[in-house]
Amino acid sequence: MFRLFTTKEFDNDFLKLDNSDKKRIEKIMHKLKKKGEVVGKPLGRKYFREKKFGNKRLYFLIYKTQLIVLAVGISNKKMQQNTINKILLELNNYEEYIKKL
């Protein structure tokens, strides 16, 4: 079983969603806790993944050795590449965040 954590950016994105999208994300999060590394599609790296829901995407990082999933962002199709680029730039910061946990 994986432990699930979120970033402030993710939390801010989540709060902006309507209730139906929030429920979809909660279901995805439940799956992530159980099956972390097999949920979603890899984005160039095995540990960086996305899961589509409706016209949006949930982005997360898998830290398999620590059994941690870190939810890092949500975007729509239009902002997908900007969001991915931002996450890739922040990978070192996310690793430090996980180490502090």
C-alpha atoms as a PDB file:
ATOM      1  CA  MET A   1       0.000   0.000   0.000  1.00  0.00           C
ATOM      2  CA  PHE A   2       1.336   3.406  -1.000  1.00  0.00           C
ATOM      3  CA  ARG A   3       1.170   6.536   1.111  1.00  0.00           C
ATOM      4  CA  LEU A   4      -0.272   9.517  -0.729  1.00  0.00           C
ATOM      5  CA  PHE A   5       0.882  13.104  -0.332  1.00  0.00           C
ATOM      6  CA  THR A   6       0.051  16.287  -2.225  1.00  0.00           C
ATOM      7  CA  THR A   7       1.849  19.532  -2.977  1.00  0.00           C
ATOM      8  CA  LYS A   8       0.444  23.014  -2.338  1.00  0.00           C
ATOM      9  CA  GLU A   9       0.109  23.492  -6.099  1.00  0.00           C
ATOM     10  CA  PHE A  10      -1.977  20.332  -6.340  1.00  0.00           C
ATOM     11  CA  ASP A  11      -4.129  21.387  -3.382  1.00  0.00           C
ATOM     12  CA  ASN A  12      -4.778  24.791  -4.993  1.00  0.00           C
ATOM     13  CA  ASP A  13      -5.715  23.148  -8.305  1.00  0.00           C
ATOM     14  CA  PHE A  14      -7.989  20.684  -6.500  1.00  0.00           C
ATOM     15  CA  LEU A  15      -9.895  23.433  -4.682  1.00  0.00           C
ATOM     16  CA  LYS A  16     -10.759  25.096  -8.010  1.00  0.00           C
ATOM     17  CA  LEU A  17     -12.487  21.973  -9.380  1.00  0.00           C
ATOM     18  CA  ASP A  18     -16.198  21.289  -9.335  1.00  0.00           C
ATOM     19  CA  ASN A  19     -17.552  18.517  -7.118  1.00  0.00           C
ATOM     20  CA  SER A  20     -17.786  15.905  -9.878  1.00  0.00           C
ATOM     21  CA  ASP A  21     -14.093  16.341 -10.757  1.00  0.00           C
ATOM     22  CA  LYS A  22     -13.167  16.236  -7.074  1.00  0.00           C
ATOM     23  CA  LYS A  23     -14.974  12.906  -6.740  1.00  0.00           C
ATOM     24  CA  ARG A  24     -13.164  11.539  -9.787  1.00  0.00           C
ATOM     25  CA  ILE A  25      -9.820  12.549  -8.309  1.00  0.00           C
ATOM     26  CA  GLU A  26     -10.702  10.963  -4.978  1.00  0.00           C
ATOM     27  CA  LYS A  27     -11.389   7.676  -6.800  1.00  0.00           C
ATOM     28  CA  ILE A  28      -8.066   7.955  -8.642  1.00  0.00           C
ATOM     29  CA  MET A  29      -6.302   8.676  -5.344  1.00  0.00           C
ATOM     30  CA  HIS A  30      -7.823   5.557  -3.839  1.00  0.00           C
ATOM     31  CA  LYS A  31      -6.437   3.510  -6.755  1.00  0.00           C
ATOM     32  CA  LEU A  32      -3.047   5.184  -6.366  1.00  0.00           C
ATOM     33  CA  LYS A  33      -2.849   4.104  -2.736  1.00  0.00           C
ATOM     34  CA  LYS A  34      -3.445   0.495  -3.724  1.00  0.00           C
ATOM     35  CA  LYS A  35      -1.630   0.209  -7.070  1.00  0.00           C
ATOM     36  CA  GLY A  36       0.569   3.324  -7.329  1.00  0.00           C
ATOM     37  CA  GLU A  37       3.014   2.373 -10.046  1.00  0.00           C
ATOM     38  CA  VAL A  38       0.484   0.829 -12.448  1.00  0.00           C
ATOM     39  CA  VAL A  39      -2.067   3.660 -12.488  1.00  0.00           C
ATOM     40  CA  GLY A  40      -1.931   6.116 -15.373  1.00  0.00           C
ATOM     41  CA  LYS A  41       0.476   6.623 -18.237  1.00  0.00           C
ATOM     42  CA  PRO A  42       4.238   7.275 -17.880  1.00  0.00           C
ATOM     43  CA  LEU A  43       5.454  10.659 -19.095  1.00  0.00           C
ATOM     44  CA  GLY A  44       8.997   9.988 -20.276  1.00  0.00           C
ATOM     45  CA  ARG A  45      10.094   8.590 -16.913  1.00  0.00           C
ATOM     46  CA  LYS A  46       8.736   5.533 -15.138  1.00  0.00           C
ATOM     47  CA  TYR A  47       8.066   7.472 -11.946  1.00  0.00           C
ATOM     48  CA  PHE A  48       6.341  10.502 -13.557  1.00  0.00           C
ATOM     49  CA  ARG A  49       2.797   9.657 -14.620  1.00  0.00           C
ATOM     50  CA  GLU A  50      -0.543  11.167 -15.584  1.00  0.00           C
ATOM     51  CA  LYS A  51      -4.082   9.892 -15.239  1.00  0.00           C
ATOM     52  CA  LYS A  52      -6.796  11.301 -17.490  1.00  0.00           C
ATOM     53  CA  PHE A  53     -10.242  12.084 -16.141  1.00  0.00           C
ATOM     54  CA  GLY A  54     -12.682  13.811 -18.447  1.00  0.00           C
ATOM     55  CA  ASN A  55     -10.788  16.558 -20.245  1.00  0.00           C
ATOM     56  CA  LYS A  56      -8.317  16.983 -17.390  1.00  0.00           C
ATOM     57  CA  ARG A  57      -5.190  15.233 -16.196  1.00  0.00           C
ATOM     58  CA  LEU A  58      -3.823  14.417 -12.758  1.00  0.00           C
ATOM     59  CA  TYR A  59      -0.014  14.389 -12.529  1.00  0.00           C
ATOM     60  CA  PHE A  60       1.860  12.419  -9.908  1.00  0.00           C
ATOM     61  CA  LEU A  61       5.272  11.034  -9.019  1.00  0.00           C
ATOM     62  CA  ILE A  62       5.891   7.496  -7.770  1.00  0.00           C
ATOM     63  CA  TYR A  63       8.636   6.889  -5.216  1.00  0.00           C
ATOM     64  CA  LYS A  64       8.547   3.110  -5.284  1.00  0.00           C
ATOM     65  CA  THR A  65      11.296   2.418  -2.725  1.00  0.00           C
ATOM     66  CA  GLN A  66       9.507   4.584  -0.137  1.00  0.00           C
ATOM     67  CA  LEU A  67       6.032   3.470  -1.292  1.00  0.00           C
ATOM     68  CA  ILE A  68       4.970   7.097  -1.749  1.00  0.00           C
ATOM     69  CA  VAL A  69       2.809   8.765  -4.372  1.00  0.00           C
ATOM     70  CA  LEU A  70       3.113  12.538  -4.616  1.00  0.00           C
ATOM     71  CA  ALA A  71       0.266  14.287  -6.447  1.00  0.00           C
ATOM     72  CA  VAL A  72       1.849  17.362  -8.024  1.00  0.00           C
ATOM     73  CA  GLY A  73      -0.666  18.933 -10.403  1.00  0.00           C
ATOM     74  CA  ILE A  74      -3.895  19.020 -12.354  1.00  0.00           C
ATOM     75  CA  SER A  75      -4.394  20.568 -15.769  1.00  0.00           C
ATOM     76  CA  ASN A  76      -6.622  20.564 -18.795  1.00  0.00           C
ATOM     77  CA  LYS A  77      -5.471  19.499 -22.261  1.00  0.00           C
ATOM     78  CA  LYS A  78      -4.669  23.080 -23.245  1.00  0.00           C
ATOM     79  CA  MET A  79      -2.232  23.565 -20.338  1.00  0.00           C
ATOM     80  CA  GLN A  80      -0.861  20.013 -20.393  1.00  0.00           C
ATOM     81  CA  GLN A  81       2.624  20.734 -21.777  1.00  0.00           C
ATOM     82  CA  ASN A  82       3.127  23.817 -19.581  1.00  0.00           C
ATOM     83  CA  THR A  83       2.208  21.797 -16.508  1.00  0.00           C
ATOM     84  CA  ILE A  84       4.496  18.896 -17.475  1.00  0.00           C
ATOM     85  CA  ASN A  85       7.418  21.272 -18.106  1.00  0.00           C
ATOM     86  CA  LYS A  86       6.907  22.980 -14.749  1.00  0.00           C
ATOM     87  CA  ILE A  87       6.823  19.632 -12.923  1.00  0.00           C
ATOM     88  CA  LEU A  88      10.006  18.471 -14.665  1.00  0.00           C
ATOM     89  CA  LEU A  89      11.774  21.653 -13.556  1.00  0.00           C
ATOM     90  CA  GLU A  90      10.703  21.028  -9.963  1.00  0.00           C
ATOM     91  CA  LEU A  91      11.704  17.332  -9.695  1.00  0.00           C
ATOM     92  CA  ASN A  92      14.621  18.034  -7.338  1.00  0.00           C
ATOM     93  CA  ASN A  93      12.388  20.101  -5.062  1.00  0.00           C
ATOM     94  CA  TYR A  94       9.828  17.295  -4.961  1.00  0.00           C
ATOM     95  CA  GLU A  95      12.541  14.792  -3.999  1.00  0.00           C
ATOM     96  CA  GLU A  96      13.643  17.064  -1.143  1.00  0.00           C
ATOM     97  CA  TYR A  97      10.024  17.384  -0.037  1.00  0.00           C
ATOM     98  CA  ILE A  98       9.668  13.598   0.052  1.00  0.00           C
ATOM     99  CA  LYS A  99      12.893  13.221   2.049  1.00  0.00           C
ATOM    100  CA  LYS A 100      11.537  15.648   4.677  1.00  0.00           C
ATOM    101  CA  LEU A 101       8.351  13.620   5.005  1.00  0.00           C
END
